[in-house]
mmCIF file of all heavy atoms, coordinates in Angstrom:
data_MODEL
# 
_entry.id   MODEL 
# 
loop_
_atom_site.group_PDB 
_atom_site.id 
_atom_site.type_symbol 
_atom_site.label_atom_id 
_atom_site.label_alt_id 
_atom_site.label_comp_id 
_atom_site.label_asym_id 
_atom_site.label_entity_id 
_atom_site.label_seq_id 
_atom_site.pdbx_PDB_ins_code 
_atom_site.Cartn_x 
_atom_site.Cartn_y 
_atom_site.Cartn_z 
_atom_site.occupancy 
_atom_site.B_iso_or_equiv 
_atom_site.pdbx_formal_charge 
_atom_site.auth_seq_id 
_atom_site.auth_comp_id 
_atom_site.auth_asym_id 
_atom_site.auth_atom_id 
_atom_site.pdbx_PDB_model_num 
ATOM 1   N N   . LYS A 1 1  ? 9.492  4.057   -8.964  1.00 0.00 ? 1  LYS A N   1 
ATOM 2   C CA  . LYS A 1 1  ? 9.765  2.672   -8.753  1.00 0.00 ? 1  LYS A CA  1 
ATOM 3   C C   . LYS A 1 1  ? 9.867  2.429   -7.167  1.00 0.00 ? 1  LYS A C   1 
ATOM 4   O O   . LYS A 1 1  ? 10.163 3.219   -6.426  1.00 0.00 ? 1  LYS A O   1 
ATOM 5   C CB  . LYS A 1 1  ? 11.156 2.341   -9.401  1.00 0.00 ? 1  LYS A CB  1 
ATOM 6   C CG  . LYS A 1 1  ? 11.026 2.254   -10.898 1.00 0.00 ? 1  LYS A CG  1 
ATOM 7   C CD  . LYS A 1 1  ? 12.344 1.622   -11.521 1.00 0.00 ? 1  LYS A CD  1 
ATOM 8   C CE  . LYS A 1 1  ? 12.222 1.629   -13.036 1.00 0.00 ? 1  LYS A CE  1 
ATOM 9   N NZ  . LYS A 1 1  ? 13.493 1.074   -13.610 1.00 0.00 ? 1  LYS A NZ  1 
ATOM 10  N N   . ILE A 1 2  ? 9.644  1.119   -6.838  1.00 0.00 ? 2  ILE A N   1 
ATOM 11  C CA  . ILE A 1 2  ? 9.516  0.857   -5.467  1.00 0.00 ? 2  ILE A CA  1 
ATOM 12  C C   . ILE A 1 2  ? 10.594 -0.257  -5.162  1.00 0.00 ? 2  ILE A C   1 
ATOM 13  O O   . ILE A 1 2  ? 10.603 -1.328  -5.876  1.00 0.00 ? 2  ILE A O   1 
ATOM 14  C CB  . ILE A 1 2  ? 8.205  0.293   -5.112  1.00 0.00 ? 2  ILE A CB  1 
ATOM 15  C CG1 . ILE A 1 2  ? 7.066  1.284   -5.394  1.00 0.00 ? 2  ILE A CG1 1 
ATOM 16  C CG2 . ILE A 1 2  ? 8.143  -0.064  -3.549  1.00 0.00 ? 2  ILE A CG2 1 
ATOM 17  C CD1 . ILE A 1 2  ? 5.651  0.737   -5.147  1.00 0.00 ? 2  ILE A CD1 1 
ATOM 18  N N   . ASP A 1 3  ? 11.500 -0.007  -4.281  1.00 0.00 ? 3  ASP A N   1 
ATOM 19  C CA  . ASP A 1 3  ? 12.571 -0.923  -3.939  1.00 0.00 ? 3  ASP A CA  1 
ATOM 20  C C   . ASP A 1 3  ? 12.114 -1.867  -2.770  1.00 0.00 ? 3  ASP A C   1 
ATOM 21  O O   . ASP A 1 3  ? 12.251 -1.404  -1.616  1.00 0.00 ? 3  ASP A O   1 
ATOM 22  C CB  . ASP A 1 3  ? 13.897 -0.113  -3.610  1.00 0.00 ? 3  ASP A CB  1 
ATOM 23  C CG  . ASP A 1 3  ? 15.036 -1.097  -3.332  1.00 0.00 ? 3  ASP A CG  1 
ATOM 24  O OD1 . ASP A 1 3  ? 14.918 -2.202  -3.702  1.00 0.00 ? 3  ASP A OD1 1 
ATOM 25  O OD2 . ASP A 1 3  ? 16.032 -0.672  -2.708  1.00 0.00 ? 3  ASP A OD2 1 
ATOM 26  N N   . TYR A 1 4  ? 11.650 -2.990  -3.090  1.00 0.00 ? 4  TYR A N   1 
ATOM 27  C CA  . TYR A 1 4  ? 11.159 -3.831  -2.006  1.00 0.00 ? 4  TYR A CA  1 
ATOM 28  C C   . TYR A 1 4  ? 12.318 -4.601  -1.432  1.00 0.00 ? 4  TYR A C   1 
ATOM 29  O O   . TYR A 1 4  ? 13.234 -5.148  -2.165  1.00 0.00 ? 4  TYR A O   1 
ATOM 30  C CB  . TYR A 1 4  ? 10.197 -4.818  -2.541  1.00 0.00 ? 4  TYR A CB  1 
ATOM 31  C CG  . TYR A 1 4  ? 8.724  -4.201  -2.890  1.00 0.00 ? 4  TYR A CG  1 
ATOM 32  C CD1 . TYR A 1 4  ? 8.326  -4.143  -4.217  1.00 0.00 ? 4  TYR A CD1 1 
ATOM 33  C CD2 . TYR A 1 4  ? 7.960  -3.718  -1.968  1.00 0.00 ? 4  TYR A CD2 1 
ATOM 34  C CE1 . TYR A 1 4  ? 7.122  -3.528  -4.546  1.00 0.00 ? 4  TYR A CE1 1 
ATOM 35  C CE2 . TYR A 1 4  ? 6.703  -3.092  -2.320  1.00 0.00 ? 4  TYR A CE2 1 
ATOM 36  C CZ  . TYR A 1 4  ? 6.328  -3.023  -3.551  1.00 0.00 ? 4  TYR A CZ  1 
ATOM 37  O OH  . TYR A 1 4  ? 5.122  -2.447  -3.837  1.00 0.00 ? 4  TYR A OH  1 
ATOM 38  N N   . PRO A 1 5  ? 12.390 -4.718  -0.084  1.00 0.00 ? 5  PRO A N   1 
ATOM 39  C CA  . PRO A 1 5  ? 13.454 -5.436  0.507   1.00 0.00 ? 5  PRO A CA  1 
ATOM 40  C C   . PRO A 1 5  ? 13.391 -6.946  0.255   1.00 0.00 ? 5  PRO A C   1 
ATOM 41  O O   . PRO A 1 5  ? 12.306 -7.519  0.069   1.00 0.00 ? 5  PRO A O   1 
ATOM 42  C CB  . PRO A 1 5  ? 13.341 -5.158  2.084   1.00 0.00 ? 5  PRO A CB  1 
ATOM 43  C CG  . PRO A 1 5  ? 11.859 -4.828  2.112   1.00 0.00 ? 5  PRO A CG  1 
ATOM 44  C CD  . PRO A 1 5  ? 11.444 -4.159  0.932   1.00 0.00 ? 5  PRO A CD  1 
ATOM 45  N N   . LYS A 1 6  ? 14.543 -7.606  0.273   1.00 0.00 ? 6  LYS A N   1 
ATOM 46  C CA  . LYS A 1 6  ? 14.565 -9.097  0.140   1.00 0.00 ? 6  LYS A CA  1 
ATOM 47  C C   . LYS A 1 6  ? 13.978 -9.682  1.484   1.00 0.00 ? 6  LYS A C   1 
ATOM 48  O O   . LYS A 1 6  ? 14.185 -9.162  2.492   1.00 0.00 ? 6  LYS A O   1 
ATOM 49  C CB  . LYS A 1 6  ? 16.038 -9.491  -0.017  1.00 0.00 ? 6  LYS A CB  1 
ATOM 50  C CG  . LYS A 1 6  ? 16.563 -9.083  -1.367  1.00 0.00 ? 6  LYS A CG  1 
ATOM 51  C CD  . LYS A 1 6  ? 18.054 -9.707  -1.569  1.00 0.00 ? 6  LYS A CD  1 
ATOM 52  C CE  . LYS A 1 6  ? 18.577 -9.385  -2.886  1.00 0.00 ? 6  LYS A CE  1 
ATOM 53  N NZ  . LYS A 1 6  ? 19.904 -9.838  -3.029  1.00 0.00 ? 6  LYS A NZ  1 
ATOM 54  N N   . PRO A 1 7  ? 13.266 -10.885 1.250   1.00 0.00 ? 7  PRO A N   1 
ATOM 55  C CA  . PRO A 1 7  ? 12.658 -11.516 2.424   1.00 0.00 ? 7  PRO A CA  1 
ATOM 56  C C   . PRO A 1 7  ? 13.717 -12.013 3.361   1.00 0.00 ? 7  PRO A C   1 
ATOM 57  O O   . PRO A 1 7  ? 14.820 -12.496 2.939   1.00 0.00 ? 7  PRO A O   1 
ATOM 58  C CB  . PRO A 1 7  ? 11.843 -12.651 1.779   1.00 0.00 ? 7  PRO A CB  1 
ATOM 59  C CG  . PRO A 1 7  ? 12.498 -12.861 0.428   1.00 0.00 ? 7  PRO A CG  1 
ATOM 60  C CD  . PRO A 1 7  ? 13.080 -11.581 -0.024  1.00 0.00 ? 7  PRO A CD  1 
ATOM 61  N N   . ASP A 1 8  ? 13.449 -12.042 4.667   1.00 0.00 ? 8  ASP A N   1 
ATOM 62  C CA  . ASP A 1 8  ? 14.376 -12.701 5.641   1.00 0.00 ? 8  ASP A CA  1 
ATOM 63  C C   . ASP A 1 8  ? 14.095 -14.064 5.902   1.00 0.00 ? 8  ASP A C   1 
ATOM 64  O O   . ASP A 1 8  ? 14.852 -14.724 6.645   1.00 0.00 ? 8  ASP A O   1 
ATOM 65  C CB  . ASP A 1 8  ? 14.369 -11.789 6.865   1.00 0.00 ? 8  ASP A CB  1 
ATOM 66  C CG  . ASP A 1 8  ? 12.996 -11.735 7.594   1.00 0.00 ? 8  ASP A CG  1 
ATOM 67  O OD1 . ASP A 1 8  ? 12.175 -12.723 7.374   1.00 0.00 ? 8  ASP A OD1 1 
ATOM 68  O OD2 . ASP A 1 8  ? 12.775 -10.856 8.382   1.00 0.00 ? 8  ASP A OD2 1 
ATOM 69  N N   . GLY A 1 9  ? 12.986 -14.707 5.445   1.00 0.00 ? 9  GLY A N   1 
ATOM 70  C CA  . GLY A 1 9  ? 12.776 -16.120 5.660   1.00 0.00 ? 9  GLY A CA  1 
ATOM 71  C C   . GLY A 1 9  ? 12.229 -16.377 7.088   1.00 0.00 ? 9  GLY A C   1 
ATOM 72  O O   . GLY A 1 9  ? 12.069 -17.489 7.384   1.00 0.00 ? 9  GLY A O   1 
ATOM 73  N N   . VAL A 1 10 ? 12.013 -15.328 7.859   1.00 0.00 ? 10 VAL A N   1 
ATOM 74  C CA  . VAL A 1 10 ? 11.553 -15.423 9.180   1.00 0.00 ? 10 VAL A CA  1 
ATOM 75  C C   . VAL A 1 10 ? 10.163 -14.816 9.416   1.00 0.00 ? 10 VAL A C   1 
ATOM 76  O O   . VAL A 1 10 ? 9.187  -15.377 9.815   1.00 0.00 ? 10 VAL A O   1 
ATOM 77  C CB  . VAL A 1 10 ? 12.504 -14.874 10.221  1.00 0.00 ? 10 VAL A CB  1 
ATOM 78  C CG1 . VAL A 1 10 ? 12.077 -15.006 11.640  1.00 0.00 ? 10 VAL A CG1 1 
ATOM 79  C CG2 . VAL A 1 10 ? 13.901 -15.624 10.086  1.00 0.00 ? 10 VAL A CG2 1 
ATOM 80  N N   . ILE A 1 11 ? 10.107 -13.489 9.115   1.00 0.00 ? 11 ILE A N   1 
ATOM 81  C CA  . ILE A 1 11 ? 8.882  -12.755 9.137   1.00 0.00 ? 11 ILE A CA  1 
ATOM 82  C C   . ILE A 1 11 ? 8.444  -12.555 7.661   1.00 0.00 ? 11 ILE A C   1 
ATOM 83  O O   . ILE A 1 11 ? 7.116  -12.562 7.458   1.00 0.00 ? 11 ILE A O   1 
ATOM 84  C CB  . ILE A 1 11 ? 9.109  -11.467 9.821   1.00 0.00 ? 11 ILE A CB  1 
ATOM 85  C CG1 . ILE A 1 11 ? 9.622  -11.607 11.238  1.00 0.00 ? 11 ILE A CG1 1 
ATOM 86  C CG2 . ILE A 1 11 ? 7.849  -10.555 9.736   1.00 0.00 ? 11 ILE A CG2 1 
ATOM 87  C CD1 . ILE A 1 11 ? 8.565  -12.239 12.171  1.00 0.00 ? 11 ILE A CD1 1 
ATOM 88  N N   . THR A 1 12 ? 9.303  -12.282 6.710   1.00 0.00 ? 12 THR A N   1 
ATOM 89  C CA  . THR A 1 12 ? 9.006  -12.080 5.353   1.00 0.00 ? 12 THR A CA  1 
ATOM 90  C C   . THR A 1 12 ? 9.428  -13.186 4.426   1.00 0.00 ? 12 THR A C   1 
ATOM 91  O O   . THR A 1 12 ? 10.521 -13.775 4.706   1.00 0.00 ? 12 THR A O   1 
ATOM 92  C CB  . THR A 1 12 ? 9.532  -10.705 4.907   1.00 0.00 ? 12 THR A CB  1 
ATOM 93  O OG1 . THR A 1 12 ? 10.933 -10.739 5.026   1.00 0.00 ? 12 THR A OG1 1 
ATOM 94  C CG2 . THR A 1 12 ? 8.896  -9.551  5.780   1.00 0.00 ? 12 THR A CG2 1 
ATOM 95  N N   . PHE A 1 13 ? 8.749  -13.362 3.326   1.00 0.00 ? 13 PHE A N   1 
ATOM 96  C CA  . PHE A 1 13 ? 8.989  -14.589 2.531   1.00 0.00 ? 13 PHE A CA  1 
ATOM 97  C C   . PHE A 1 13 ? 8.889  -14.336 1.076   1.00 0.00 ? 13 PHE A C   1 
ATOM 98  O O   . PHE A 1 13 ? 8.340  -13.181 0.635   1.00 0.00 ? 13 PHE A O   1 
ATOM 99  C CB  . PHE A 1 13 ? 7.990  -15.778 2.901   1.00 0.00 ? 13 PHE A CB  1 
ATOM 100 C CG  . PHE A 1 13 ? 8.081  -16.080 4.362   1.00 0.00 ? 13 PHE A CG  1 
ATOM 101 C CD1 . PHE A 1 13 ? 7.022  -15.525 5.170   1.00 0.00 ? 13 PHE A CD1 1 
ATOM 102 C CD2 . PHE A 1 13 ? 8.930  -16.896 4.862   1.00 0.00 ? 13 PHE A CD2 1 
ATOM 103 C CE1 . PHE A 1 13 ? 7.058  -15.786 6.571   1.00 0.00 ? 13 PHE A CE1 1 
ATOM 104 C CE2 . PHE A 1 13 ? 8.882  -17.188 6.274   1.00 0.00 ? 13 PHE A CE2 1 
ATOM 105 C CZ  . PHE A 1 13 ? 7.940  -16.695 7.080   1.00 0.00 ? 13 PHE A CZ  1 
ATOM 106 N N   . ASP A 1 14 ? 9.421  -15.148 0.197   1.00 0.00 ? 14 ASP A N   1 
ATOM 107 C CA  . ASP A 1 14 ? 9.238  -14.940 -1.166  1.00 0.00 ? 14 ASP A CA  1 
ATOM 108 C C   . ASP A 1 14 ? 7.992  -15.592 -1.724  1.00 0.00 ? 14 ASP A C   1 
ATOM 109 O O   . ASP A 1 14 ? 7.330  -16.350 -1.038  1.00 0.00 ? 14 ASP A O   1 
ATOM 110 C CB  . ASP A 1 14 ? 10.492 -15.497 -1.961  1.00 0.00 ? 14 ASP A CB  1 
ATOM 111 C CG  . ASP A 1 14 ? 10.598 -17.061 -1.817  1.00 0.00 ? 14 ASP A CG  1 
ATOM 112 O OD1 . ASP A 1 14 ? 9.920  -17.815 -2.499  1.00 0.00 ? 14 ASP A OD1 1 
ATOM 113 O OD2 . ASP A 1 14 ? 11.347 -17.544 -0.818  1.00 0.00 ? 14 ASP A OD2 1 
ATOM 114 N N   . ARG A 1 15 ? 7.526  -15.357 -3.015  1.00 0.00 ? 15 ARG A N   1 
ATOM 115 C CA  . ARG A 1 15 ? 6.414  -15.817 -3.544  1.00 0.00 ? 15 ARG A CA  1 
ATOM 116 C C   . ARG A 1 15 ? 6.260  -17.337 -3.626  1.00 0.00 ? 15 ARG A C   1 
ATOM 117 O O   . ARG A 1 15 ? 5.297  -17.993 -3.204  1.00 0.00 ? 15 ARG A O   1 
ATOM 118 C CB  . ARG A 1 15 ? 6.095  -15.262 -4.910  1.00 0.00 ? 15 ARG A CB  1 
ATOM 119 C CG  . ARG A 1 15 ? 5.499  -13.940 -4.991  1.00 0.00 ? 15 ARG A CG  1 
ATOM 120 C CD  . ARG A 1 15 ? 5.411  -13.520 -6.498  1.00 0.00 ? 15 ARG A CD  1 
ATOM 121 N NE  . ARG A 1 15 ? 4.590  -12.279 -6.603  1.00 0.00 ? 15 ARG A NE  1 
ATOM 122 C CZ  . ARG A 1 15 ? 5.019  -11.030 -6.543  1.00 0.00 ? 15 ARG A CZ  1 
ATOM 123 N NH1 . ARG A 1 15 ? 6.245  -10.907 -6.160  1.00 0.00 ? 15 ARG A NH1 1 
ATOM 124 N NH2 . ARG A 1 15 ? 4.224  -10.066 -6.715  1.00 0.00 ? 15 ARG A NH2 1 
ATOM 125 N N   . LEU A 1 16 ? 7.322  -17.949 -4.184  1.00 0.00 ? 16 LEU A N   1 
ATOM 126 C CA  . LEU A 1 16 ? 7.183  -19.345 -4.391  1.00 0.00 ? 16 LEU A CA  1 
ATOM 127 C C   . LEU A 1 16 ? 7.189  -20.158 -3.085  1.00 0.00 ? 16 LEU A C   1 
ATOM 128 O O   . LEU A 1 16 ? 6.456  -21.192 -2.974  1.00 0.00 ? 16 LEU A O   1 
ATOM 129 C CB  . LEU A 1 16 ? 8.312  -19.831 -5.300  1.00 0.00 ? 16 LEU A CB  1 
ATOM 130 C CG  . LEU A 1 16 ? 8.376  -19.234 -6.725  1.00 0.00 ? 16 LEU A CG  1 
ATOM 131 C CD1 . LEU A 1 16 ? 9.335  -19.893 -7.637  1.00 0.00 ? 16 LEU A CD1 1 
ATOM 132 C CD2 . LEU A 1 16 ? 6.985  -19.480 -7.398  1.00 0.00 ? 16 LEU A CD2 1 
ATOM 133 N N   . THR A 1 17 ? 7.909  -19.718 -2.212  1.00 0.00 ? 17 THR A N   1 
ATOM 134 C CA  . THR A 1 17 ? 7.876  -20.369 -0.812  1.00 0.00 ? 17 THR A CA  1 
ATOM 135 C C   . THR A 1 17 ? 6.464  -20.280 -0.235  1.00 0.00 ? 17 THR A C   1 
ATOM 136 O O   . THR A 1 17 ? 5.944  -21.222 0.341   1.00 0.00 ? 17 THR A O   1 
ATOM 137 C CB  . THR A 1 17 ? 8.906  -19.784 0.141   1.00 0.00 ? 17 THR A CB  1 
ATOM 138 O OG1 . THR A 1 17 ? 10.185 -20.018 -0.293  1.00 0.00 ? 17 THR A OG1 1 
ATOM 139 C CG2 . THR A 1 17 ? 8.799  -20.500 1.446   1.00 0.00 ? 17 THR A CG2 1 
ATOM 140 N N   . SER A 1 18 ? 5.892  -19.057 -0.423  1.00 0.00 ? 18 SER A N   1 
ATOM 141 C CA  . SER A 1 18 ? 4.592  -18.774 0.103   1.00 0.00 ? 18 SER A CA  1 
ATOM 142 C C   . SER A 1 18 ? 3.516  -19.686 -0.493  1.00 0.00 ? 18 SER A C   1 
ATOM 143 O O   . SER A 1 18 ? 2.617  -20.265 0.129   1.00 0.00 ? 18 SER A O   1 
ATOM 144 C CB  . SER A 1 18 ? 4.193  -17.361 -0.145  1.00 0.00 ? 18 SER A CB  1 
ATOM 145 O OG  . SER A 1 18 ? 5.010  -16.469 0.670   1.00 0.00 ? 18 SER A OG  1 
ATOM 146 N N   . VAL A 1 19 ? 3.665  -19.844 -1.895  1.00 0.00 ? 19 VAL A N   1 
ATOM 147 C CA  . VAL A 1 19 ? 2.680  -20.711 -2.603  1.00 0.00 ? 19 VAL A CA  1 
ATOM 148 C C   . VAL A 1 19 ? 2.723  -22.117 -2.070  1.00 0.00 ? 19 VAL A C   1 
ATOM 149 O O   . VAL A 1 19 ? 1.619  -22.807 -2.012  1.00 0.00 ? 19 VAL A O   1 
ATOM 150 C CB  . VAL A 1 19 ? 2.970  -20.674 -4.171  1.00 0.00 ? 19 VAL A CB  1 
ATOM 151 C CG1 . VAL A 1 19 ? 2.136  -21.737 -4.811  1.00 0.00 ? 19 VAL A CG1 1 
ATOM 152 C CG2 . VAL A 1 19 ? 2.560  -19.344 -4.769  1.00 0.00 ? 19 VAL A CG2 1 
ATOM 153 N N   . SER A 1 20 ? 3.808  -22.632 -1.662  1.00 0.00 ? 20 SER A N   1 
ATOM 154 C CA  . SER A 1 20 ? 3.902  -24.017 -1.133  1.00 0.00 ? 20 SER A CA  1 
ATOM 155 C C   . SER A 1 20 ? 3.062  -24.111 0.196   1.00 0.00 ? 20 SER A C   1 
ATOM 156 O O   . SER A 1 20 ? 2.606  -25.198 0.505   1.00 0.00 ? 20 SER A O   1 
ATOM 157 C CB  . SER A 1 20 ? 5.367  -24.352 -0.798  1.00 0.00 ? 20 SER A CB  1 
ATOM 158 O OG  . SER A 1 20 ? 5.937  -23.595 0.321   1.00 0.00 ? 20 SER A OG  1 
ATOM 159 N N   . PHE A 1 21 ? 2.864  -22.914 0.826   1.00 0.00 ? 21 PHE A N   1 
ATOM 160 C CA  . PHE A 1 21 ? 2.100  -22.991 2.106   1.00 0.00 ? 21 PHE A CA  1 
ATOM 161 C C   . PHE A 1 21 ? 0.520  -22.843 1.787   1.00 0.00 ? 21 PHE A C   1 
ATOM 162 O O   . PHE A 1 21 ? -0.255 -22.779 2.719   1.00 0.00 ? 21 PHE A O   1 
ATOM 163 C CB  . PHE A 1 21 ? 2.515  -21.818 2.985   1.00 0.00 ? 21 PHE A CB  1 
ATOM 164 C CG  . PHE A 1 21 ? 3.748  -22.228 3.841   1.00 0.00 ? 21 PHE A CG  1 
ATOM 165 C CD1 . PHE A 1 21 ? 5.012  -22.193 3.248   1.00 0.00 ? 21 PHE A CD1 1 
ATOM 166 C CD2 . PHE A 1 21 ? 3.597  -22.628 5.180   1.00 0.00 ? 21 PHE A CD2 1 
ATOM 167 C CE1 . PHE A 1 21 ? 6.044  -22.572 4.026   1.00 0.00 ? 21 PHE A CE1 1 
ATOM 168 C CE2 . PHE A 1 21 ? 4.694  -22.986 5.916   1.00 0.00 ? 21 PHE A CE2 1 
ATOM 169 C CZ  . PHE A 1 21 ? 6.014  -22.901 5.367   1.00 0.00 ? 21 PHE A CZ  1 
ATOM 170 N N   . SER A 1 22 ? 0.214  -22.723 0.493   1.00 0.00 ? 22 SER A N   1 
ATOM 171 C CA  . SER A 1 22 ? -1.165 -22.729 0.109   1.00 0.00 ? 22 SER A CA  1 
ATOM 172 C C   . SER A 1 22 ? -1.596 -24.175 -0.305  1.00 0.00 ? 22 SER A C   1 
ATOM 173 O O   . SER A 1 22 ? -2.789 -24.422 -0.526  1.00 0.00 ? 22 SER A O   1 
ATOM 174 C CB  . SER A 1 22 ? -1.444 -21.819 -1.099  1.00 0.00 ? 22 SER A CB  1 
ATOM 175 O OG  . SER A 1 22 ? -0.866 -22.233 -2.239  1.00 0.00 ? 22 SER A OG  1 
ATOM 176 N N   . PHE A 1 23 ? -0.669 -24.996 -0.311  1.00 0.00 ? 23 PHE A N   1 
ATOM 177 C CA  . PHE A 1 23 ? -0.882 -26.475 -0.702  1.00 0.00 ? 23 PHE A CA  1 
ATOM 178 C C   . PHE A 1 23 ? -1.669 -26.568 -2.080  1.00 0.00 ? 23 PHE A C   1 
ATOM 179 O O   . PHE A 1 23 ? -2.434 -27.371 -2.210  1.00 0.00 ? 23 PHE A O   1 
ATOM 180 C CB  . PHE A 1 23 ? -1.641 -27.152 0.407   1.00 0.00 ? 23 PHE A CB  1 
ATOM 181 C CG  . PHE A 1 23 ? -0.923 -27.005 1.690   1.00 0.00 ? 23 PHE A CG  1 
ATOM 182 C CD1 . PHE A 1 23 ? -1.489 -25.965 2.625   1.00 0.00 ? 23 PHE A CD1 1 
ATOM 183 C CD2 . PHE A 1 23 ? 0.192  -27.675 2.122   1.00 0.00 ? 23 PHE A CD2 1 
ATOM 184 C CE1 . PHE A 1 23 ? -0.835 -25.730 3.875   1.00 0.00 ? 23 PHE A CE1 1 
ATOM 185 C CE2 . PHE A 1 23 ? 0.843  -27.401 3.297   1.00 0.00 ? 23 PHE A CE2 1 
ATOM 186 C CZ  . PHE A 1 23 ? 0.329  -26.475 4.234   1.00 0.00 ? 23 PHE A CZ  1 
ATOM 187 N N   . THR A 1 24 ? -1.228 -25.632 -3.046  1.00 0.00 ? 24 THR A N   1 
ATOM 188 C CA  . THR A 1 24 ? -1.698 -25.665 -4.339  1.00 0.00 ? 24 THR A CA  1 
ATOM 189 C C   . THR A 1 24 ? -1.300 -26.757 -5.136  1.00 0.00 ? 24 THR A C   1 
ATOM 190 O O   . THR A 1 24 ? -0.057 -27.127 -5.131  1.00 0.00 ? 24 THR A O   1 
ATOM 191 C CB  . THR A 1 24 ? -1.355 -24.278 -5.144  1.00 0.00 ? 24 THR A CB  1 
ATOM 192 O OG1 . THR A 1 24 ? -2.135 -23.252 -4.323  1.00 0.00 ? 24 THR A OG1 1 
ATOM 193 C CG2 . THR A 1 24 ? -1.892 -24.309 -6.520  1.00 0.00 ? 24 THR A CG2 1 
ATOM 194 N N   . ASN A 1 25 ? -2.169 -27.427 -5.921  1.00 0.00 ? 25 ASN A N   1 
ATOM 195 C CA  . ASN A 1 25 ? -1.784 -28.509 -6.824  1.00 0.00 ? 25 ASN A CA  1 
ATOM 196 C C   . ASN A 1 25 ? -2.689 -28.444 -8.058  1.00 0.00 ? 25 ASN A C   1 
ATOM 197 O O   . ASN A 1 25 ? -3.942 -28.300 -7.929  1.00 0.00 ? 25 ASN A O   1 
ATOM 198 C CB  . ASN A 1 25 ? -1.829 -29.831 -6.092  1.00 0.00 ? 25 ASN A CB  1 
ATOM 199 C CG  . ASN A 1 25 ? -1.435 -31.042 -6.974  1.00 0.00 ? 25 ASN A CG  1 
ATOM 200 O OD1 . ASN A 1 25 ? -0.360 -31.096 -7.348  1.00 0.00 ? 25 ASN A OD1 1 
ATOM 201 N ND2 . ASN A 1 25 ? -2.427 -31.872 -7.271  1.00 0.00 ? 25 ASN A ND2 1 
ATOM 202 N N   . HIS A 1 26 ? -2.015 -28.622 -9.190  1.00 0.00 ? 26 HIS A N   1 
ATOM 203 C CA  . HIS A 1 26 ? -2.865 -28.927 -10.436 1.00 0.00 ? 26 HIS A CA  1 
ATOM 204 C C   . HIS A 1 26 ? -2.261 -30.036 -11.117 1.00 0.00 ? 26 HIS A C   1 
ATOM 205 O O   . HIS A 1 26 ? -1.018 -30.235 -11.038 1.00 0.00 ? 26 HIS A O   1 
ATOM 206 C CB  . HIS A 1 26 ? -2.706 -27.689 -11.387 1.00 0.00 ? 26 HIS A CB  1 
ATOM 207 C CG  . HIS A 1 26 ? -3.427 -26.440 -10.870 1.00 0.00 ? 26 HIS A CG  1 
ATOM 208 N ND1 . HIS A 1 26 ? -2.704 -25.448 -10.147 1.00 0.00 ? 26 HIS A ND1 1 
ATOM 209 C CD2 . HIS A 1 26 ? -4.667 -25.999 -10.930 1.00 0.00 ? 26 HIS A CD2 1 
ATOM 210 C CE1 . HIS A 1 26 ? -3.534 -24.573 -9.832  1.00 0.00 ? 26 HIS A CE1 1 
ATOM 211 N NE2 . HIS A 1 26 ? -4.735 -24.809 -10.357 1.00 0.00 ? 26 HIS A NE2 1 
ATOM 212 N N   . GLU A 1 27 ? -3.012 -30.929 -11.675 1.00 0.00 ? 27 GLU A N   1 
ATOM 213 C CA  . GLU A 1 27 ? -2.595 -32.052 -12.423 1.00 0.00 ? 27 GLU A CA  1 
ATOM 214 C C   . GLU A 1 27 ? -1.668 -31.661 -13.543 1.00 0.00 ? 27 GLU A C   1 
ATOM 215 O O   . GLU A 1 27 ? -1.813 -30.556 -14.181 1.00 0.00 ? 27 GLU A O   1 
ATOM 216 C CB  . GLU A 1 27 ? -3.708 -32.896 -13.047 1.00 0.00 ? 27 GLU A CB  1 
ATOM 217 C CG  . GLU A 1 27 ? -4.522 -33.695 -12.065 1.00 0.00 ? 27 GLU A CG  1 
ATOM 218 C CD  . GLU A 1 27 ? -3.696 -34.827 -11.485 1.00 0.00 ? 27 GLU A CD  1 
ATOM 219 O OE1 . GLU A 1 27 ? -2.817 -35.400 -12.168 1.00 0.00 ? 27 GLU A OE1 1 
ATOM 220 O OE2 . GLU A 1 27 ? -3.954 -35.145 -10.355 1.00 0.00 ? 27 GLU A OE2 1 
# 
């Protein structure tokens, strides 16, 4: 198993915050 560190919000980020930076939109 791999213990990934929690994001710091400065250099590293979570998935959903990152998706918002892709400007993804579906009807």
